[in-house]
Amino acid sequence: MSECPATLLKEEGYVQIESFQDRHLMEDWIKTIRFRLHQCAQDLSCTYQDYLQVASRWVAPSPVTEGLEGLVDSLKTFLEELMEDACELIKFNIISKTPFSPETLPFHQDIAYSPESPYQFSAWLALTDAPLESGPMEVIASSHKGSIAPAVDFWDPEFKDKVSLKKEGRRKLPVKAGDLILFDSRLWHGSGKNESCHERFALVTRWKTSGYVSPSIPAPEPRPFGMWTCQKETEEILTNGLWTFFKETPTTYRESLKKWENLLGNTTFPFLEDSKKAQESVKRVFLLNEAHHTHNGGDTQGVLYARLWKHLLSPLSLHLCQLGKNLND
């Protein structure tokens, strides 16, 4: 590497560091992480495949991230030497992109999602190889020098990734297990679809130096149904449906989801195009909710609620509105 990594991070917004960790150590960790993911699936009484269809991120503290503090400590030592400043860990998690959840991650700026706890840069450590066909990270070089946009709500069912149409400065970053990518929290980045048959995992940590001064971060602009509103809207629509059709009122969000999953397997709703897809969408959101509360798991790709909206919530909501209109006529 001809230029100093800190200089590249400042000028380009990112830097790749090959063989930061021993490949064999990463292989040992992946075996442990996969074993823990199988245990997580058992916790929720589902298959490993079903579990990885709904959860693709685990934020510490989580049974999936347990024991990784040693890797984080080695990162801290390296980063403090590189930045010539004390570095504070803000957050760390494991992320995945597998054949079970292979979708694209739209372009976005990390800092826009953390107005209350901003961080300066991320350290993305590859736990497995991420070749071109696996949908590796993509960046728009030097885009961190521009303004910070409101957080991209790619959970919105109508979302279109306009930033991905830009070609200038766009670079794909395939890596080997043990490689490290550092990138500025303001950098526009995303990733393509995993079209390989292999699972891709990374340890992603968020940091700031002691001298860091956060820039002004615009407030999120919530969509009617999206990242900040989808659970509330889902609960409201499903609860209204249960009362309208069956005069039932669930006491929890979990109960509402489970009731609809069972109903869709036993009841015909003529306003639905495909009850099986609707049932499957409810099941996956139910498992996501369970993974969140049990393992601090989440959906990085934002596709589960969008599918639920398409297959159940949108037609159900329209039907309920029409029933209400008929009653008032």
Protein backbone atom coordinates (compact mmCIF):
# COMPACT_ATOMS: atom_id res chain seq x y z
CA MET A 1 0.00 0.00 0.00
CA SER A 2 1.75 3.15 -1.23
CA GLU A 3 -0.28 5.70 0.72
CA CYS A 4 -0.92 5.82 4.44
CA PRO A 5 -4.27 4.14 5.28
CA ALA A 6 -5.29 7.16 7.37
CA THR A 7 -4.65 9.44 4.39
CA LEU A 8 -6.67 7.21 2.04
CA LEU A 9 -9.51 7.10 4.56
CA LYS A 10 -9.51 10.89 4.68
CA GLU A 11 -9.25 11.45 0.92
CA GLU A 12 -11.19 8.51 -0.57
CA GLY A 13 -13.48 7.84 2.34
CA TYR A 14 -12.39 4.21 2.60
CA VAL A 15 -9.32 1.98 2.64
CA GLN A 16 -8.79 -1.78 2.24
CA ILE A 17 -6.22 -3.57 4.39
CA GLU A 18 -5.37 -7.10 3.28
CA SER A 19 -4.78 -9.95 5.75
CA PHE A 20 -5.48 -7.88 8.85
CA GLN A 21 -6.38 -11.13 10.64
CA ASP A 22 -5.20 -14.67 10.03
CA ARG A 23 -7.52 -16.54 7.65
CA HIS A 24 -7.49 -19.68 9.82
CA LEU A 25 -8.65 -17.67 12.83
CA MET A 26 -11.57 -16.38 10.75
CA GLU A 27 -12.44 -19.95 9.74
CA ASP A 28 -12.52 -20.97 13.42
CA TRP A 29 -14.82 -18.07 14.23
CA ILE A 30 -17.19 -18.90 11.37
CA LYS A 31 -17.55 -22.46 12.66
CA THR A 32 -18.46 -21.05 16.08
CA ILE A 33 -20.87 -18.49 14.65
CA ARG A 34 -22.65 -21.06 12.47
CA PHE A 35 -23.01 -23.37 15.47
CA ARG A 36 -24.56 -20.52 17.44
CA LEU A 37 -26.92 -19.68 14.56
CA HIS A 38 -28.13 -23.28 14.54
CA GLN A 39 -28.80 -22.90 18.27
CA CYS A 40 -30.69 -19.66 17.60
CA ALA A 41 -32.86 -21.48 15.06
CA GLN A 42 -33.57 -24.17 17.66
CA ASP A 43 -34.57 -21.45 20.14
CA LEU A 44 -37.29 -20.34 17.71
CA SER A 45 -38.26 -23.89 16.64
CA CYS A 46 -37.38 -23.21 13.01
CA THR A 47 -34.79 -24.45 10.54
CA TYR A 48 -31.37 -22.85 10.03
CA GLN A 49 -32.50 -21.78 6.58
CA ASP A 50 -35.70 -20.17 7.93
CA TYR A 51 -33.71 -18.35 10.58
CA LEU A 52 -31.25 -16.87 8.07
CA GLN A 53 -34.15 -15.81 5.85
CA VAL A 54 -35.30 -13.41 8.56
CA ALA A 55 -32.18 -12.43 10.52
CA SER A 56 -29.09 -11.05 8.81
CA ARG A 57 -27.64 -8.84 11.57
CA TRP A 58 -26.90 -9.46 15.26
CA VAL A 59 -26.00 -6.49 17.43
CA ALA A 60 -23.95 -7.03 20.59
CA PRO A 61 -24.93 -8.13 23.15
CA SER A 62 -26.14 -11.25 21.38
CA PRO A 63 -25.41 -14.98 21.64
CA VAL A 64 -24.05 -14.68 18.08
CA THR A 65 -21.47 -12.02 18.99
CA GLU A 66 -20.42 -13.50 22.33
CA GLY A 67 -16.65 -13.88 22.71
CA LEU A 68 -15.72 -11.56 19.86
CA GLU A 69 -14.39 -8.93 22.26
CA GLY A 70 -10.83 -10.16 21.62
CA LEU A 71 -11.11 -9.32 17.92
CA VAL A 72 -12.59 -5.95 18.81
CA ASP A 73 -9.70 -5.24 21.19
CA SER A 74 -7.15 -6.00 18.46
CA LEU A 75 -9.02 -3.64 16.16
CA LYS A 76 -8.95 -0.91 18.81
CA THR A 77 -5.18 -1.21 19.21
CA PHE A 78 -4.66 -1.03 15.45
CA LEU A 79 -7.05 1.87 14.95
CA GLU A 80 -5.55 3.96 17.72
CA GLU A 81 -2.09 3.57 16.15
CA LEU A 82 -3.51 4.41 12.73
CA MET A 83 -5.56 7.43 13.81
CA GLU A 84 -2.97 8.59 16.38
CA ASP A 85 -5.81 9.14 18.82
CA ALA A 86 -7.87 7.21 21.34
CA CYS A 87 -10.74 5.35 19.67
CA GLU A 88 -14.08 4.68 21.32
CA LEU A 89 -16.20 1.70 20.28
CA ILE A 90 -19.78 2.81 19.62
CA LYS A 91 -21.32 -0.45 18.40
CA PHE A 92 -20.45 -3.85 17.00
CA ASN A 93 -22.40 -6.52 15.21
CA ILE A 94 -22.25 -9.49 12.88
CA ILE A 95 -23.88 -9.10 9.46
CA SER A 96 -24.59 -11.72 6.83
CA LYS A 97 -25.62 -12.03 3.21
CA THR A 98 -26.47 -15.66 2.47
CA PRO A 99 -28.29 -17.62 -0.25
CA PHE A 100 -31.25 -17.53 2.15
CA SER A 101 -31.23 -13.72 2.36
CA PRO A 102 -29.23 -12.63 -0.70
CA GLU A 103 -30.82 -9.26 -1.55
CA THR A 104 -29.08 -5.99 -2.34
CA LEU A 105 -28.39 -3.38 0.30
CA PRO A 106 -29.27 0.03 -1.19
CA PHE A 107 -26.75 2.85 -1.10
CA HIS A 108 -26.84 4.87 2.10
CA GLN A 109 -24.74 6.88 4.58
CA ASP A 110 -24.37 5.22 7.98
CA ILE A 111 -24.21 8.45 9.95
CA ALA A 112 -27.73 9.42 8.86
CA TYR A 113 -29.17 6.59 11.00
CA SER A 114 -27.33 7.62 14.19
CA PRO A 115 -28.19 11.25 14.96
CA GLU A 116 -28.27 10.50 18.70
CA SER A 117 -25.05 8.47 18.76
CA PRO A 118 -22.95 9.54 15.76
CA TYR A 119 -19.75 7.76 14.90
CA GLN A 120 -16.81 8.64 12.71
CA PHE A 121 -15.99 5.49 10.77
CA SER A 122 -16.65 1.76 10.52
CA ALA A 123 -14.24 -1.18 10.52
CA TRP A 124 -15.63 -4.02 8.38
CA LEU A 125 -13.73 -7.27 9.00
CA ALA A 126 -14.42 -10.09 6.54
CA LEU A 127 -15.03 -13.37 8.36
CA THR A 128 -15.47 -15.16 5.02
CA ASP A 129 -14.42 -14.46 1.46
CA ALA A 130 -16.63 -11.94 -0.34
CA PRO A 131 -15.90 -12.37 -4.07
CA LEU A 132 -17.63 -10.36 -6.79
CA GLU A 133 -20.44 -12.88 -7.24
CA SER A 134 -21.32 -12.70 -3.53
CA GLY A 135 -22.41 -9.06 -3.61
CA PRO A 136 -19.42 -7.42 -1.88
CA MET A 137 -19.45 -3.90 -0.51
CA GLU A 138 -19.63 -1.12 -3.08
CA VAL A 139 -18.62 2.46 -2.39
CA ILE A 140 -18.74 5.80 -4.13
CA ALA A 141 -15.22 7.10 -3.60
CA SER A 142 -14.92 10.53 -1.95
CA SER A 143 -18.69 10.81 -1.52
CA HIS A 144 -18.10 11.46 2.19
CA LYS A 145 -17.02 14.98 1.27
CA GLY A 146 -20.53 15.91 0.22
CA SER A 147 -23.51 16.75 2.38
CA ILE A 148 -25.31 14.31 4.66
CA ALA A 149 -28.72 13.38 3.30
CA PRO A 150 -31.70 12.29 5.41
CA ALA A 151 -31.55 8.58 6.18
CA VAL A 152 -32.58 6.45 3.20
CA ASP A 153 -35.75 4.54 4.10
CA PHE A 154 -35.26 1.46 1.93
CA TRP A 155 -37.89 -0.45 3.92
CA ASP A 156 -40.52 1.61 2.08
CA PRO A 157 -42.24 -0.79 -0.39
CA GLU A 158 -42.11 1.96 -3.04
CA PHE A 159 -38.40 2.72 -2.51
CA LYS A 160 -36.15 3.17 -5.57
CA ASP A 161 -32.37 3.31 -5.14
CA LYS A 162 -31.51 6.36 -7.27
CA VAL A 163 -27.98 6.61 -5.86
CA SER A 164 -27.13 3.18 -7.33
CA LEU A 165 -27.58 4.69 -10.82
CA LYS A 166 -24.48 6.81 -10.32
CA LYS A 167 -21.35 5.42 -11.96
CA GLU A 168 -18.68 8.01 -11.22
CA GLY A 169 -16.42 6.91 -8.37
CA ARG A 170 -18.34 3.68 -7.81
CA ARG A 171 -16.12 0.76 -6.84
CA LYS A 172 -16.72 -2.86 -5.80
CA LEU A 173 -14.56 -4.16 -2.96
CA PRO A 174 -14.19 -7.96 -3.07
CA VAL A 175 -12.25 -9.25 -0.07
CA LYS A 176 -10.73 -12.39 1.44
CA ALA A 177 -11.42 -13.68 4.93
CA GLY A 178 -9.30 -11.62 7.34
CA ASP A 179 -9.27 -8.49 5.16
CA LEU A 180 -10.39 -5.21 6.69
CA ILE A 181 -12.28 -2.28 5.14
CA LEU A 182 -12.33 1.05 6.95
CA PHE A 183 -14.85 3.61 5.73
CA ASP A 184 -16.10 7.01 6.77
CA SER A 185 -19.59 7.09 8.28
CA ARG A 186 -20.58 9.73 5.68
CA LEU A 187 -19.52 7.57 2.71
CA TRP A 188 -22.25 6.41 0.32
CA HIS A 189 -22.05 2.62 0.13
CA GLY A 190 -24.19 -0.47 -0.44
CA SER A 191 -23.86 -4.00 -1.77
CA GLY A 192 -25.21 -6.14 -4.60
CA LYS A 193 -27.12 -9.39 -4.52
CA ASN A 194 -25.32 -12.53 -3.35
CA GLU A 195 -25.53 -14.69 -6.47
CA SER A 196 -23.14 -17.31 -5.15
CA CYS A 197 -24.03 -20.45 -3.21
CA HIS A 198 -21.88 -19.37 -0.25
CA GLU A 199 -22.69 -17.56 2.97
CA ARG A 200 -20.97 -14.23 3.58
CA PHE A 201 -20.32 -12.93 7.11
CA ALA A 202 -18.52 -9.89 8.50
CA LEU A 203 -17.79 -8.32 11.89
CA VAL A 204 -18.74 -4.65 11.64
CA THR A 205 -17.65 -2.20 14.34
CA ARG A 206 -18.38 1.55 14.66
CA TRP A 207 -15.84 3.99 16.10
CA LYS A 208 -15.03 7.60 16.87
CA THR A 209 -11.79 9.25 17.98
CA SER A 210 -11.53 11.43 21.07
CA GLY A 211 -11.17 14.49 18.87
CA TYR A 212 -14.23 13.74 16.73
CA VAL A 213 -16.80 16.50 16.31
CA SER A 214 -20.02 15.28 14.73
CA PRO A 215 -21.36 17.22 11.75
CA SER A 216 -24.99 18.32 11.61
CA ILE A 217 -27.17 15.28 10.84
CA PRO A 218 -30.60 15.83 9.28
CA ALA A 219 -33.56 14.25 11.03
CA PRO A 220 -35.05 11.13 9.43
CA GLU A 221 -38.07 11.59 7.18
CA PRO A 222 -40.35 8.65 8.04
CA ARG A 223 -42.42 7.17 5.24
CA PRO A 224 -46.07 6.18 5.81
CA PHE A 225 -44.86 2.57 5.86
CA GLY A 226 -41.13 2.15 6.29
CA MET A 227 -38.21 1.70 8.64
CA TRP A 228 -39.57 3.87 11.46
CA THR A 229 -43.27 3.17 11.04
CA CYS A 230 -43.77 -0.37 9.74
CA GLN A 231 -44.27 -2.16 13.06
CA LYS A 232 -46.79 0.39 14.33
CA GLU A 233 -48.71 0.35 11.04
CA THR A 234 -48.60 -3.45 10.84
CA GLU A 235 -49.93 -3.83 14.36
CA GLU A 236 -52.73 -1.33 13.70
CA ILE A 237 -53.87 -2.94 10.43
CA LEU A 238 -53.73 -6.50 11.78
CA THR A 239 -55.57 -5.52 14.96
CA ASN A 240 -58.28 -3.74 12.97
CA GLY A 241 -58.66 -6.80 10.76
CA LEU A 242 -59.02 -9.18 13.69
CA TRP A 243 -61.69 -7.00 15.27
CA THR A 244 -63.58 -6.42 12.01
CA PHE A 245 -63.72 -10.08 10.99
CA PHE A 246 -63.66 -11.95 14.29
CA LYS A 247 -64.30 -9.39 17.06
CA GLU A 248 -60.96 -10.34 18.64
CA THR A 249 -58.48 -7.94 20.21
CA PRO A 250 -54.92 -9.30 20.62
CA THR A 251 -53.00 -8.16 23.69
CA THR A 252 -49.53 -8.11 22.07
CA TYR A 253 -47.95 -7.63 18.66
CA ARG A 254 -46.62 -11.18 18.86
CA GLU A 255 -50.11 -12.55 19.46
CA SER A 256 -51.51 -10.57 16.53
CA LEU A 257 -48.89 -11.93 14.13
CA LYS A 258 -49.39 -15.51 15.31
CA LYS A 259 -53.18 -15.29 14.99
CA TRP A 260 -52.90 -14.04 11.41
CA GLU A 261 -50.36 -16.74 10.51
CA ASN A 262 -52.84 -19.38 11.73
CA LEU A 263 -55.86 -17.72 10.12
CA LEU A 264 -54.23 -17.48 6.73
CA GLY A 265 -53.69 -21.23 6.76
CA ASN A 266 -57.32 -22.00 7.58
CA THR A 267 -59.48 -19.13 6.33
CA THR A 268 -60.22 -17.82 2.84
CA PHE A 269 -59.93 -14.07 2.37
CA PRO A 270 -61.23 -13.20 -1.13
CA PHE A 271 -59.38 -9.86 -1.25
CA LEU A 272 -55.99 -11.64 -1.17
CA GLU A 273 -54.31 -12.77 -4.38
CA ASP A 274 -52.20 -15.46 -2.71
CA SER A 275 -52.98 -16.54 0.86
CA LYS A 276 -49.91 -18.80 1.01
CA LYS A 277 -47.56 -15.89 0.24
CA ALA A 278 -49.43 -13.76 2.78
CA GLN A 279 -49.07 -16.49 5.41
CA GLU A 280 -45.37 -16.95 4.65
CA SER A 281 -44.81 -13.18 4.90
CA VAL A 282 -46.51 -13.06 8.32
CA LYS A 283 -44.49 -16.07 9.49
CA ARG A 284 -41.21 -14.40 8.54
CA VAL A 285 -42.07 -11.13 10.27
CA PHE A 286 -43.11 -13.15 13.34
CA LEU A 287 -39.73 -14.94 13.34
CA LEU A 288 -37.95 -11.61 12.82
CA ASN A 289 -39.75 -10.22 15.85
CA GLU A 290 -38.73 -13.29 17.88
CA ALA A 291 -35.11 -13.07 16.70
CA HIS A 292 -35.03 -9.40 17.66
CA HIS A 293 -36.23 -10.00 21.22
CA THR A 294 -34.30 -13.25 21.77
CA HIS A 295 -31.00 -12.70 19.95
CA ASN A 296 -30.87 -8.96 19.16
CA GLY A 297 -31.25 -9.94 15.51
CA GLY A 298 -32.48 -7.79 12.64
CA ASP A 299 -33.15 -7.55 8.90
CA THR A 300 -30.38 -5.53 7.22
CA GLN A 301 -32.00 -5.69 3.78
CA GLY A 302 -35.44 -4.41 4.75
CA VAL A 303 -37.38 -6.86 2.57
CA LEU A 304 -39.55 -8.69 5.11
CA TYR A 305 -41.96 -5.89 5.95
CA ALA A 306 -42.10 -4.81 2.30
CA ARG A 307 -43.23 -8.32 1.34
CA LEU A 308 -45.79 -8.35 4.15
CA TRP A 309 -47.15 -5.04 2.85
CA LYS A 310 -47.46 -6.38 -0.67
CA HIS A 311 -49.02 -9.75 0.14
CA LEU A 312 -51.25 -8.89 3.10
CA LEU A 313 -51.24 -5.41 4.61
CA SER A 314 -51.97 -3.37 1.52
CA PRO A 315 -54.95 -5.48 0.29
CA LEU A 316 -56.24 -5.89 3.85
CA SER A 317 -56.01 -2.16 4.50
CA LEU A 318 -57.84 -1.35 1.25
CA HIS A 319 -60.53 -3.88 2.09
CA LEU A 320 -61.04 -2.44 5.57
CA CYS A 321 -61.27 1.07 4.13
CA GLN A 322 -63.89 -0.08 1.64
CA LEU A 323 -65.92 -1.75 4.40
CA GLY A 324 -65.79 1.46 6.41
CA LYS A 325 -66.87 3.50 3.40
CA ASN A 326 -69.81 1.15 2.73
CA LEU A 327 -70.99 1.49 6.33
CA ASN A 328 -70.94 5.28 6.09
CA ASP A 329 -72.80 5.45 2.74
